[in-house]
Amino acid sequence: MVRFSVQLLILFFIVSFCVFFGVELAKQGIEDIHGPLETVTEEDSTSNEIQSEKQKTDDLIPPVEDSPKLSLTTPTKDSSGLSIKIGNVLQSTAHKGVEIIVSVFHALFS
């Protein structure tokens, strides 16, 4: 039983490494193509409010963006079908992996 537990633990680490490494590679590829991902935090939201107030007073100077930023909300029309399929496969793999891990621990500790 101990040998099986060690093998299961090693398999868990290998699968989790592969999933997270794949997600990181996909993220880096998207950032290489579209630029850095845009995430909103509390600090960003307050700085956005300050910037919006500045823009109200400085309407004469239009903002200039260096590169388009990619948001994490929905895929755009520019997204190819392959990238959407890869994202769906990674998402389902991660979801099934979590379900398997939960079911294994549920079976072991129930």
PDB file of N, CA and C in Angstrom:
ATOM      1  N   MET A   1       0.821  -1.195   0.000  1.00  0.00           N
ATOM      2  CA  MET A   1       0.000   0.000   0.000  1.00  0.00           C
ATOM      3  C   MET A   1       0.867   1.263   0.000  1.00  0.00           C
ATOM      4  N   VAL A   2       2.002   1.186   0.689  1.00  0.00           N
ATOM      5  CA  VAL A   2       2.885   2.344   0.762  1.00  0.00           C
ATOM      6  C   VAL A   2       3.476   2.632  -0.621  1.00  0.00           C
ATOM      7  N   ARG A   3       3.844   1.577  -1.337  1.00  0.00           N
ATOM      8  CA  ARG A   3       4.415   1.761  -2.668  1.00  0.00           C
ATOM      9  C   ARG A   3       3.392   2.393  -3.615  1.00  0.00           C
ATOM     10  N   PHE A   4       2.151   1.953  -3.523  1.00  0.00           N
ATOM     11  CA  PHE A   4       1.093   2.527  -4.355  1.00  0.00           C
ATOM     12  C   PHE A   4       0.887   4.001  -4.033  1.00  0.00           C
ATOM     13  N   SER A   5       0.924   4.348  -2.775  1.00  0.00           N
ATOM     14  CA  SER A   5       0.746   5.746  -2.370  1.00  0.00           C
ATOM     15  C   SER A   5       1.884   6.616  -2.908  1.00  0.00           C
ATOM     16  N   VAL A   6       3.099   6.107  -2.864  1.00  0.00           N
ATOM     17  CA  VAL A   6       4.241   6.869  -3.372  1.00  0.00           C
ATOM     18  C   VAL A   6       4.119   7.033  -4.884  1.00  0.00           C
ATOM     19  N   GLN A   7       3.737   5.975  -5.585  1.00  0.00           N
ATOM     20  CA  GLN A   7       3.563   6.066  -7.031  1.00  0.00           C
ATOM     21  C   GLN A   7       2.445   7.038  -7.386  1.00  0.00           C
ATOM     22  N   LEU A   8       1.367   7.012  -6.630  1.00  0.00           N
ATOM     23  CA  LEU A   8       0.254   7.927  -6.865  1.00  0.00           C
ATOM     24  C   LEU A   8       0.676   9.370  -6.616  1.00  0.00           C
ATOM     25  N   LEU A   9       1.454   9.592  -5.596  1.00  0.00           N
ATOM     26  CA  LEU A   9       1.936  10.937  -5.288  1.00  0.00           C
ATOM     27  C   LEU A   9       2.873  11.445  -6.390  1.00  0.00           C
ATOM     28  N   ILE A  10       3.757  10.574  -6.871  1.00  0.00           N
ATOM     29  CA  ILE A  10       4.653  10.963  -7.968  1.00  0.00           C
ATOM     30  C   ILE A  10       3.858  11.273  -9.218  1.00  0.00           C
ATOM     31  N   LEU A  11       2.863  10.456  -9.529  1.00  0.00           N
ATOM     32  CA  LEU A  11       2.010  10.698 -10.692  1.00  0.00           C
ATOM     33  C   LEU A  11       1.258  12.020 -10.553  1.00  0.00           C
ATOM     34  N   PHE A  12       0.776  12.318  -9.358  1.00  0.00           N
ATOM     35  CA  PHE A  12       0.090  13.576  -9.100  1.00  0.00           C
ATOM     36  C   PHE A  12       1.002  14.766  -9.386  1.00  0.00           C
ATOM     37  N   PHE A  13       2.243  14.699  -8.907  1.00  0.00           N
ATOM     38  CA  PHE A  13       3.169  15.802  -9.142  1.00  0.00           C
ATOM     39  C   PHE A  13       3.526  15.946 -10.617  1.00  0.00           C
ATOM     40  N   ILE A  14       3.673  14.845 -11.315  1.00  0.00           N
ATOM     41  CA  ILE A  14       3.992  14.909 -12.744  1.00  0.00           C
ATOM     42  C   ILE A  14       2.842  15.521 -13.523  1.00  0.00           C
ATOM     43  N   VAL A  15       1.613  15.080 -13.252  1.00  0.00           N
ATOM     44  CA  VAL A  15       0.445  15.609 -13.967  1.00  0.00           C
ATOM     45  C   VAL A  15       0.241  17.081 -13.643  1.00  0.00           C
ATOM     46  N   SER A  16       0.347  17.455 -12.370  1.00  0.00           N
ATOM     47  CA  SER A  16       0.152  18.858 -12.005  1.00  0.00           C
ATOM     48  C   SER A  16       1.245  19.738 -12.625  1.00  0.00           C
ATOM     49  N   PHE A  17       2.485  19.256 -12.667  1.00  0.00           N
ATOM     50  CA  PHE A  17       3.552  20.017 -13.308  1.00  0.00           C
ATOM     51  C   PHE A  17       3.243  20.224 -14.790  1.00  0.00           C
ATOM     52  N   CYS A  18       2.815  19.150 -15.462  1.00  0.00           N
ATOM     53  CA  CYS A  18       2.521  19.250 -16.896  1.00  0.00           C
ATOM     54  C   CYS A  18       1.381  20.229 -17.168  1.00  0.00           C
ATOM     55  N   VAL A  19       0.342  20.194 -16.356  1.00  0.00           N
ATOM     56  CA  VAL A  19      -0.800  21.094 -16.560  1.00  0.00           C
ATOM     57  C   VAL A  19      -0.371  22.540 -16.344  1.00  0.00           C
ATOM     58  N   PHE A  20       0.307  22.820 -15.237  1.00  0.00           N
ATOM     59  CA  PHE A  20       0.698  24.192 -14.953  1.00  0.00           C
ATOM     60  C   PHE A  20       1.758  24.692 -15.927  1.00  0.00           C
ATOM     61  N   PHE A  21       2.662  23.808 -16.369  1.00  0.00           N
ATOM     62  CA  PHE A  21       3.661  24.196 -17.349  1.00  0.00           C
ATOM     63  C   PHE A  21       2.992  24.523 -18.680  1.00  0.00           C
ATOM     64  N   GLY A  22       1.981  23.739 -19.063  1.00  0.00           N
ATOM     65  CA  GLY A  22       1.249  24.012 -20.302  1.00  0.00           C
ATOM     66  C   GLY A  22       0.497  25.327 -20.236  1.00  0.00           C
ATOM     67  N   VAL A  23      -0.108  25.608 -19.098  1.00  0.00           N
ATOM     68  CA  VAL A  23      -0.822  26.875 -18.937  1.00  0.00           C
ATOM     69  C   VAL A  23       0.158  28.038 -19.008  1.00  0.00           C
ATOM     70  N   GLU A  24       1.318  27.893 -18.399  1.00  0.00           N
ATOM     71  CA  GLU A  24       2.324  28.959 -18.431  1.00  0.00           C
ATOM     72  C   GLU A  24       2.839  29.182 -19.855  1.00  0.00           C
ATOM     73  N   LEU A  25       3.064  28.106 -20.596  1.00  0.00           N
ATOM     74  CA  LEU A  25       3.499  28.248 -21.985  1.00  0.00           C
ATOM     75  C   LEU A  25       2.438  28.952 -22.825  1.00  0.00           C
ATOM     76  N   ALA A  26       1.175  28.589 -22.614  1.00  0.00           N
ATOM     77  CA  ALA A  26       0.099  29.235 -23.360  1.00  0.00           C
ATOM     78  C   ALA A  26       0.018  30.716 -23.009  1.00  0.00           C
ATOM     79  N   LYS A  27       0.168  31.035 -21.737  1.00  0.00           N
ATOM     80  CA  LYS A  27       0.112  32.437 -21.304  1.00  0.00           C
ATOM     81  C   LYS A  27       1.258  33.242 -21.919  1.00  0.00           C
ATOM     82  N   GLN A  28       2.461  32.673 -21.921  1.00  0.00           N
ATOM     83  CA  GLN A  28       3.602  33.377 -22.509  1.00  0.00           C
ATOM     84  C   GLN A  28       3.424  33.568 -24.007  1.00  0.00           C
ATOM     85  N   GLY A  29       2.854  32.575 -24.682  1.00  0.00           N
ATOM     86  CA  GLY A  29       2.607  32.709 -26.110  1.00  0.00           C
ATOM     87  C   GLY A  29       1.608  33.797 -26.410  1.00  0.00           C
ATOM     88  N   ILE A  30       0.556  33.886 -25.612  1.00  0.00           N
ATOM     89  CA  ILE A  30      -0.450  34.931 -25.798  1.00  0.00           C
ATOM     90  C   ILE A  30       0.161  36.297 -25.532  1.00  0.00           C
ATOM     91  N   GLU A  31       0.997  36.393 -24.483  1.00  0.00           N
ATOM     92  CA  GLU A  31       1.637  37.670 -24.180  1.00  0.00           C
ATOM     93  C   GLU A  31       2.624  38.073 -25.272  1.00  0.00           C
ATOM     94  N   ASP A  32       3.297  37.103 -25.882  1.00  0.00           N
ATOM     95  CA  ASP A  32       4.221  37.430 -26.978  1.00  0.00           C
ATOM     96  C   ASP A  32       3.477  38.007 -28.169  1.00  0.00           C
ATOM     97  N   ILE A  33       2.288  37.507 -28.420  1.00  0.00           N
ATOM     98  CA  ILE A  33       1.526  37.951 -29.590  1.00  0.00           C
ATOM     99  C   ILE A  33       0.743  39.224 -29.303  1.00  0.00           C
ATOM    100  N   HIS A  34       0.016  39.254 -28.189  1.00  0.00           N
ATOM    101  CA  HIS A  34      -0.918  40.350 -27.918  1.00  0.00           C
ATOM    102  C   HIS A  34      -0.409  41.373 -26.910  1.00  0.00           C
ATOM    103  N   GLY A  35       0.705  41.133 -26.279  1.00  0.00           N
ATOM    104  CA  GLY A  35       1.186  42.043 -25.248  1.00  0.00           C
ATOM    105  C   GLY A  35       0.789  41.531 -23.877  1.00  0.00           C
ATOM    106  N   PRO A  36       1.153  42.250 -22.828  1.00  0.00           N
ATOM    107  CA  PRO A  36       0.876  41.778 -21.466  1.00  0.00           C
ATOM    108  C   PRO A  36      -0.615  41.714 -21.177  1.00  0.00           C
ATOM    109  N   LEU A  37      -0.989  40.718 -20.357  1.00  0.00           N
ATOM    110  CA  LEU A  37      -2.379  40.560 -19.967  1.00  0.00           C
ATOM    111  C   LEU A  37      -2.766  41.655 -18.996  1.00  0.00           C
ATOM    112  N   GLU A  38      -4.008  42.072 -19.065  1.00  0.00           N
ATOM    113  CA  GLU A  38      -4.500  43.153 -18.221  1.00  0.00           C
ATOM    114  C   GLU A  38      -5.314  42.549 -17.100  1.00  0.00           C
ATOM    115  N   THR A  39      -4.862  42.722 -15.861  1.00  0.00           N
ATOM    116  CA  THR A  39      -5.611  42.257 -14.708  1.00  0.00           C
ATOM    117  C   THR A  39      -5.973  43.464 -13.863  1.00  0.00           C
ATOM    118  N   VAL A  40      -7.138  43.428 -13.261  1.00  0.00           N
ATOM    119  CA  VAL A  40      -7.620  44.556 -12.468  1.00  0.00           C
ATOM    120  C   VAL A  40      -7.536  44.189 -10.994  1.00  0.00           C
ATOM    121  N   THR A  41      -6.813  45.008 -10.233  1.00  0.00           N
ATOM    122  CA  THR A  41      -6.734  44.856  -8.793  1.00  0.00           C
ATOM    123  C   THR A  41      -7.307  46.111  -8.154  1.00  0.00           C
ATOM    124  N   GLU A  42      -7.341  46.117  -6.846  1.00  0.00           N
ATOM    125  CA  GLU A  42      -7.880  47.290  -6.149  1.00  0.00           C
ATOM    126  C   GLU A  42      -7.018  48.520  -6.418  1.00  0.00           C
ATOM    127  N   GLU A  43      -5.694  48.328  -6.440  1.00  0.00           N
ATOM    128  CA  GLU A  43      -4.812  49.458  -6.701  1.00  0.00           C
ATOM    129  C   GLU A  43      -5.021  49.985  -8.113  1.00  0.00           C
ATOM    130  N   ASP A  44      -5.215  49.064  -9.063  1.00  0.00           N
ATOM    131  CA  ASP A  44      -5.443  49.477 -10.439  1.00  0.00           C
ATOM    132  C   ASP A  44      -6.760  50.226 -10.573  1.00  0.00           C
ATOM    133  N   SER A  45      -7.791  49.763  -9.849  1.00  0.00           N
ATOM    134  CA  SER A  45      -9.083  50.431  -9.968  1.00  0.00           C
ATOM    135  C   SER A  45      -9.028  51.834  -9.385  1.00  0.00           C
ATOM    136  N   THR A  46      -8.283  52.020  -8.293  1.00  0.00           N
ATOM    137  CA  THR A  46      -8.171  53.370  -7.737  1.00  0.00           C
ATOM    138  C   THR A  46      -7.322  54.247  -8.640  1.00  0.00           C
ATOM    139  N   SER A  47      -6.261  53.664  -9.229  1.00  0.00           N
ATOM    140  CA  SER A  47      -5.450  54.469 -10.140  1.00  0.00           C
ATOM    141  C   SER A  47      -6.232  54.786 -11.406  1.00  0.00           C
ATOM    142  N   ASN A  48      -7.124  53.881 -11.827  1.00  0.00           N
ATOM    143  CA  ASN A  48      -7.972  54.162 -12.987  1.00  0.00           C
ATOM    144  C   ASN A  48      -8.936  55.307 -12.693  1.00  0.00           C
ATOM    145  N   GLU A  49      -9.457  55.364 -11.448  1.00  0.00           N
ATOM    146  CA  GLU A  49     -10.348  56.456 -11.071  1.00  0.00           C
ATOM    147  C   GLU A  49      -9.583  57.787 -11.089  1.00  0.00           C
ATOM    148  N   ILE A  50      -8.358  57.768 -10.597  1.00  0.00           N
ATOM    149  CA  ILE A  50      -7.546  58.989 -10.591  1.00  0.00           C
ATOM    150  C   ILE A  50      -7.237  59.417 -12.021  1.00  0.00           C
ATOM    151  N   GLN A  51      -6.901  58.442 -12.874  1.00  0.00           N
ATOM    152  CA  GLN A  51      -6.608  58.766 -14.263  1.00  0.00           C
ATOM    153  C   GLN A  51      -7.840  59.295 -14.980  1.00  0.00           C
ATOM    154  N   SER A  52      -9.021  58.743 -14.650  1.00  0.00           N
ATOM    155  CA  SER A  52     -10.236  59.237 -15.305  1.00  0.00           C
ATOM    156  C   SER A  52     -10.529  60.678 -14.888  1.00  0.00           C
ATOM    157  N   GLU A  53     -10.223  61.013 -13.626  1.00  0.00           N
ATOM    158  CA  GLU A  53     -10.399  62.393 -13.193  1.00  0.00           C
ATOM    159  C   GLU A  53      -9.410  63.315 -13.908  1.00  0.00           C
ATOM    160  N   LYS A  54      -8.174  62.836 -14.116  1.00  0.00           N
ATOM    161  CA  LYS A  54      -7.183  63.629 -14.844  1.00  0.00           C
ATOM    162  C   LYS A  54      -7.608  63.830 -16.289  1.00  0.00           C
ATOM    163  N   GLN A  55      -8.204  62.796 -16.875  1.00  0.00           N
ATOM    164  CA  GLN A  55      -8.624  62.900 -18.265  1.00  0.00           C
ATOM    165  C   GLN A  55      -9.779  63.886 -18.411  1.00  0.00           C
ATOM    166  N   LYS A  56     -10.608  63.985 -17.386  1.00  0.00           N
ATOM    167  CA  LYS A  56     -11.696  64.955 -17.451  1.00  0.00           C
ATOM    168  C   LYS A  56     -11.137  66.379 -17.508  1.00  0.00           C
ATOM    169  N   THR A  57     -10.039  66.620 -16.770  1.00  0.00           N
ATOM    170  CA  THR A  57      -9.465  67.960 -16.770  1.00  0.00           C
ATOM    171  C   THR A  57      -8.553  68.174 -17.967  1.00  0.00           C
ATOM    172  N   ASP A  58      -7.971  67.102 -18.496  1.00  0.00           N
ATOM    173  CA  ASP A  58      -7.040  67.198 -19.616  1.00  0.00           C
ATOM    174  C   ASP A  58      -7.636  66.579 -20.872  1.00  0.00           C
ATOM    175  N   ASP A  59      -8.745  67.061 -21.329  1.00  0.00           N
ATOM    176  CA  ASP A  59      -9.398  66.508 -22.510  1.00  0.00           C
ATOM    177  C   ASP A  59      -8.699  66.919 -23.801  1.00  0.00           C
ATOM    178  N   LEU A  60      -7.779  67.850 -23.734  1.00  0.00           N
ATOM    179  CA  LEU A  60      -7.111  68.318 -24.931  1.00  0.00           C
ATOM    180  C   LEU A  60      -6.072  67.323 -25.456  1.00  0.00           C
ATOM    181  N   ILE A  61      -5.496  66.512 -24.568  1.00  0.00           N
ATOM    182  CA  ILE A  61      -4.450  65.573 -24.979  1.00  0.00           C
ATOM    183  C   ILE A  61      -5.044  64.163 -25.012  1.00  0.00           C
ATOM    184  N   PRO A  62      -5.119  63.545 -26.200  1.00  0.00           N
ATOM    185  CA  PRO A  62      -5.666  62.188 -26.266  1.00  0.00           C
ATOM    186  C   PRO A  62      -4.645  61.164 -25.760  1.00  0.00           C
ATOM    187  N   PRO A  63      -5.108  60.080 -25.102  1.00  0.00           N
ATOM    188  CA  PRO A  63      -4.170  59.060 -24.618  1.00  0.00           C
ATOM    189  C   PRO A  63      -3.608  58.247 -25.783  1.00  0.00           C
ATOM    190  N   VAL A  64      -2.328  57.878 -25.680  1.00  0.00           N
ATOM    191  CA  VAL A  64      -1.656  57.096 -26.719  1.00  0.00           C
ATOM    192  C   VAL A  64      -1.239  55.766 -26.106  1.00  0.00           C
ATOM    193  N   GLU A  65      -1.642  54.665 -26.738  1.00  0.00           N
ATOM    194  CA  GLU A  65      -1.269  53.353 -26.245  1.00  0.00           C
ATOM    195  C   GLU A  65      -0.209  52.762 -27.160  1.00  0.00           C
ATOM    196  N   ASP A  66       0.802  52.125 -26.547  1.00  0.00           N
ATOM    197  CA  ASP A  66       1.885  51.532 -27.321  1.00  0.00           C
ATOM    198  C   ASP A  66       1.450  50.244 -28.010  1.00  0.00           C
ATOM    199  N   SER A  67       0.801  49.358 -27.268  1.00  0.00           N
ATOM    200  CA  SER A  67       0.381  48.085 -27.840  1.00  0.00           C
ATOM    201  C   SER A  67      -0.995  47.738 -27.303  1.00  0.00           C
ATOM    202  N   PRO A  68      -1.772  46.986 -28.059  1.00  0.00           N
ATOM    203  CA  PRO A  68      -3.084  46.602 -27.549  1.00  0.00           C
ATOM    204  C   PRO A  68      -2.933  45.633 -26.386  1.00  0.00           C
ATOM    205  N   LYS A  69      -3.808  45.763 -25.396  1.00  0.00           N
ATOM    206  CA  LYS A  69      -3.754  44.894 -24.228  1.00  0.00           C
ATOM    207  C   LYS A  69      -4.876  43.874 -24.326  1.00  0.00           C
ATOM    208  N   LEU A  70      -4.594  42.691 -23.856  1.00  0.00           N
ATOM    209  CA  LEU A  70      -5.535  41.591 -23.916  1.00  0.00           C
ATOM    210  C   LEU A  70      -6.228  41.456 -22.569  1.00  0.00           C
ATOM    211  N   SER A  71      -7.533  41.430 -22.569  1.00  0.00           N
ATOM    212  CA  SER A  71      -8.255  41.257 -21.319  1.00  0.00           C
ATOM    213  C   SER A  71      -8.592  39.788 -21.139  1.00  0.00           C
ATOM    214  N   LEU A  72      -8.880  39.411 -19.910  1.00  0.00           N
ATOM    215  CA  LEU A  72      -9.159  38.018 -19.590  1.00  0.00           C
ATOM    216  C   LEU A  72     -10.648  37.691 -19.637  1.00  0.00           C
ATOM    217  N   THR A  73     -11.462  38.542 -20.225  1.00  0.00           N
ATOM    218  CA  THR A  73     -12.898  38.334 -20.147  1.00  0.00           C
ATOM    219  C   THR A  73     -13.419  37.372 -21.210  1.00  0.00           C
ATOM    220  N   THR A  74     -13.414  37.745 -22.458  1.00  0.00           N
ATOM    221  CA  THR A  74     -13.969  36.903 -23.510  1.00  0.00           C
ATOM    222  C   THR A  74     -13.026  36.862 -24.696  1.00  0.00           C
ATOM    223  N   PRO A  75     -13.079  35.784 -25.463  1.00  0.00           N
ATOM    224  CA  PRO A  75     -12.233  35.752 -26.659  1.00  0.00           C
ATOM    225  C   PRO A  75     -12.719  36.753 -27.701  1.00  0.00           C
ATOM    226  N   THR A  76     -11.789  37.293 -28.448  1.00  0.00           N
ATOM    227  CA  THR A  76     -12.139  38.268 -29.470  1.00  0.00           C
ATOM    228  C   THR A  76     -12.343  37.576 -30.806  1.00  0.00           C
ATOM    229  N   LYS A  77     -12.765  38.346 -31.809  1.00  0.00           N
ATOM    230  CA  LYS A  77     -12.964  37.784 -33.134  1.00  0.00           C
ATOM    231  C   LYS A  77     -11.636  37.425 -33.784  1.00  0.00           C
ATOM    232  N   ASP A  78     -10.531  38.018 -33.301  1.00  0.00           N
ATOM    233  CA  ASP A  78      -9.216  37.728 -33.857  1.00  0.00           C
ATOM    234  C   ASP A  78      -8.676  36.378 -33.384  1.00  0.00           C
ATOM    235  N   SER A  79      -9.279  35.811 -32.324  1.00  0.00           N
ATOM    236  CA  SER A  79      -8.802  34.537 -31.807  1.00  0.00           C
ATOM    237  C   SER A  79      -9.063  33.441 -32.822  1.00  0.00           C
ATOM    238  N   SER A  80      -8.076  32.604 -33.011  1.00  0.00           N
ATOM    239  CA  SER A  80      -8.258  31.505 -33.955  1.00  0.00           C
ATOM    240  C   SER A  80      -8.972  30.349 -33.267  1.00  0.00           C
ATOM    241  N   GLY A  81      -9.545  29.488 -34.054  1.00  0.00           N
ATOM    242  CA  GLY A  81     -10.266  28.347 -33.516  1.00  0.00           C
ATOM    243  C   GLY A  81      -9.349  27.390 -32.777  1.00  0.00           C
ATOM    244  N   LEU A  82      -8.094  27.285 -33.229  1.00  0.00           N
ATOM    245  CA  LEU A  82      -7.157  26.373 -32.589  1.00  0.00           C
ATOM    246  C   LEU A  82      -6.830  26.828 -31.171  1.00  0.00           C
ATOM    247  N   SER A  83      -6.631  28.118 -30.968  1.00  0.00           N
ATOM    248  CA  SER A  83      -6.304  28.598 -29.622  1.00  0.00           C
ATOM    249  C   SER A  83      -7.475  28.405 -28.674  1.00  0.00           C
ATOM    250  N   ILE A  84      -8.684  28.553 -29.174  1.00  0.00           N
ATOM    251  CA  ILE A  84      -9.855  28.327 -28.335  1.00  0.00           C
ATOM    252  C   ILE A  84      -9.961  26.857 -27.971  1.00  0.00           C
ATOM    253  N   LYS A  85      -9.694  25.977 -28.932  1.00  0.00           N
ATOM    254  CA  LYS A  85      -9.756  24.536 -28.663  1.00  0.00           C
ATOM    255  C   LYS A  85      -8.674  24.129 -27.663  1.00  0.00           C
ATOM    256  N   ILE A  86      -7.471  24.680 -27.816  1.00  0.00           N
ATOM    257  CA  ILE A  86      -6.388  24.364 -26.877  1.00  0.00           C
ATOM    258  C   ILE A  86      -6.754  24.846 -25.479  1.00  0.00           C
ATOM    259  N   GLY A  87      -7.310  26.040 -25.374  1.00  0.00           N
ATOM    260  CA  GLY A  87      -7.740  26.550 -24.075  1.00  0.00           C
ATOM    261  C   GLY A  87      -8.813  25.679 -23.450  1.00  0.00           C
ATOM    262  N   ASN A  88      -9.757  25.220 -24.259  1.00  0.00           N
ATOM    263  CA  ASN A  88     -10.813  24.347 -23.742  1.00  0.00           C
ATOM    264  C   ASN A  88     -10.251  23.009 -23.281  1.00  0.00           C
ATOM    265  N   VAL A  89      -9.277  22.463 -24.023  1.00  0.00           N
ATOM    266  CA  VAL A  89      -8.658  21.195 -23.627  1.00  0.00           C
ATOM    267  C   VAL A  89      -7.897  21.363 -22.324  1.00  0.00           C
ATOM    268  N   LEU A  90      -7.138  22.457 -22.195  1.00  0.00           N
ATOM    269  CA  LEU A  90      -6.415  22.705 -20.942  1.00  0.00           C
ATOM    270  C   LEU A  90      -7.370  22.887 -19.770  1.00  0.00           C
ATOM    271  N   GLN A  91      -8.469  23.591 -20.005  1.00  0.00           N
ATOM    272  CA  GLN A  91      -9.436  23.814 -18.937  1.00  0.00           C
ATOM    273  C   GLN A  91     -10.083  22.503 -18.518  1.00  0.00           C
ATOM    274  N   SER A  92     -10.483  21.685 -19.477  1.00  0.00           N
ATOM    275  CA  SER A  92     -11.130  20.416 -19.127  1.00  0.00           C
ATOM    276  C   SER A  92     -10.137  19.462 -18.473  1.00  0.00           C
ATOM    277  N   THR A  93      -8.858  19.486 -18.919  1.00  0.00           N
ATOM    278  CA  THR A  93      -7.837  18.643 -18.299  1.00  0.00           C
ATOM    279  C   THR A  93      -7.619  19.044 -16.847  1.00  0.00           C
ATOM    280  N   ALA A  94      -7.528  20.327 -16.597  1.00  0.00           N
ATOM    281  CA  ALA A  94      -7.350  20.797 -15.220  1.00  0.00           C
ATOM    282  C   ALA A  94      -8.560  20.445 -14.368  1.00  0.00           C
ATOM    283  N   HIS A  95      -9.763  20.604 -14.934  1.00  0.00           N
ATOM    284  CA  HIS A  95     -10.981  20.301 -14.193  1.00  0.00           C
ATOM    285  C   HIS A  95     -11.058  18.813 -13.862  1.00  0.00           C
ATOM    286  N   LYS A  96     -10.787  17.955 -14.846  1.00  0.00           N
ATOM    287  CA  LYS A  96     -10.824  16.504 -14.611  1.00  0.00           C
ATOM    288  C   LYS A  96      -9.726  16.096 -13.632  1.00  0.00           C
ATOM    289  N   GLY A  97      -8.554  16.733 -13.724  1.00  0.00           N
ATOM    290  CA  GLY A  97      -7.477  16.430 -12.785  1.00  0.00           C
ATOM    291  C   GLY A  97      -7.863  16.746 -11.354  1.00  0.00           C
ATOM    292  N   VAL A  98      -8.512  17.875 -11.164  1.00  0.00           N
ATOM    293  CA  VAL A  98      -8.968  18.241  -9.823  1.00  0.00           C
ATOM    294  C   VAL A  98     -10.029  17.258  -9.342  1.00  0.00           C
ATOM    295  N   GLU A  99     -10.946  16.863 -10.225  1.00  0.00           N
ATOM    296  CA  GLU A  99     -11.973  15.886  -9.843  1.00  0.00           C
ATOM    297  C   GLU A  99     -11.346  14.559  -9.438  1.00  0.00           C
ATOM    298  N   ILE A 100     -10.318  14.110 -10.172  1.00  0.00           N
ATOM    299  CA  ILE A 100      -9.653  12.850  -9.850  1.00  0.00           C
ATOM    300  C   ILE A 100      -8.952  12.936  -8.506  1.00  0.00           C
ATOM    301  N   ILE A 101      -8.264  14.043  -8.271  1.00  0.00           N
ATOM    302  CA  ILE A 101      -7.558  14.217  -7.005  1.00  0.00           C
ATOM    303  C   ILE A 101      -8.542  14.237  -5.841  1.00  0.00           C
ATOM    304  N   VAL A 102      -9.643  14.938  -6.009  1.00  0.00           N
ATOM    305  CA  VAL A 102     -10.650  15.003  -4.949  1.00  0.00           C
ATOM    306  C   VAL A 102     -11.246  13.628  -4.700  1.00  0.00           C
ATOM    307  N   SER A 103     -11.526  12.888  -5.768  1.00  0.00           N
ATOM    308  CA  SER A 103     -12.120  11.559  -5.582  1.00  0.00           C
ATOM    309  C   SER A 103     -11.134  10.595  -4.927  1.00  0.00           C
ATOM    310  N   VAL A 104      -9.826  10.710  -5.257  1.00  0.00           N
ATOM    311  CA  VAL A 104      -8.824   9.849  -4.623  1.00  0.00           C
ATOM    312  C   VAL A 104      -8.733  10.155  -3.134  1.00  0.00           C
ATOM    313  N   PHE A 105      -8.646  11.417  -2.772  1.00  0.00           N
ATOM    314  CA  PHE A 105      -8.577  11.768  -1.362  1.00  0.00           C
ATOM    315  C   PHE A 105      -9.879  11.437  -0.631  1.00  0.00           C
ATOM    316  N   HIS A 106     -10.982  11.555  -1.315  1.00  0.00           N
ATOM    317  CA  HIS A 106     -12.275  11.187  -0.711  1.00  0.00           C
ATOM    318  C   HIS A 106     -12.305   9.686  -0.429  1.00  0.00           C
ATOM    319  N   ALA A 107     -11.799   8.894  -1.376  1.00  0.00           N
ATOM    320  CA  ALA A 107     -11.777   7.445  -1.181  1.00  0.00           C
ATOM    321  C   ALA A 107     -10.784   7.045  -0.085  1.00  0.00           C
ATOM    322  N   LEU A 108      -9.659   7.753  -0.001  1.00  0.00           N
ATOM    323  CA  LEU A 108      -8.659   7.404   1.006  1.00  0.00           C
ATOM    324  C   LEU A 108      -9.085   7.780   2.417  1.00  0.00           C
ATOM    325  N   PHE A 109      -9.737   8.902   2.568  1.00  0.00           N
ATOM    326  CA  PHE A 109     -10.048   9.397   3.910  1.00  0.00           C
ATOM    327  C   PHE A 109     -11.503   9.255   4.315  1.00  0.00           C
ATOM    328  N   SER A 110     -12.294   8.532   3.553  1.00  0.00           N
ATOM    329  CA  SER A 110     -13.694   8.317   3.936  1.00  0.00           C
ATOM    330  C   SER A 110     -13.863   7.053   4.725  1.00  0.00           C
TER     331      SER A 110
END
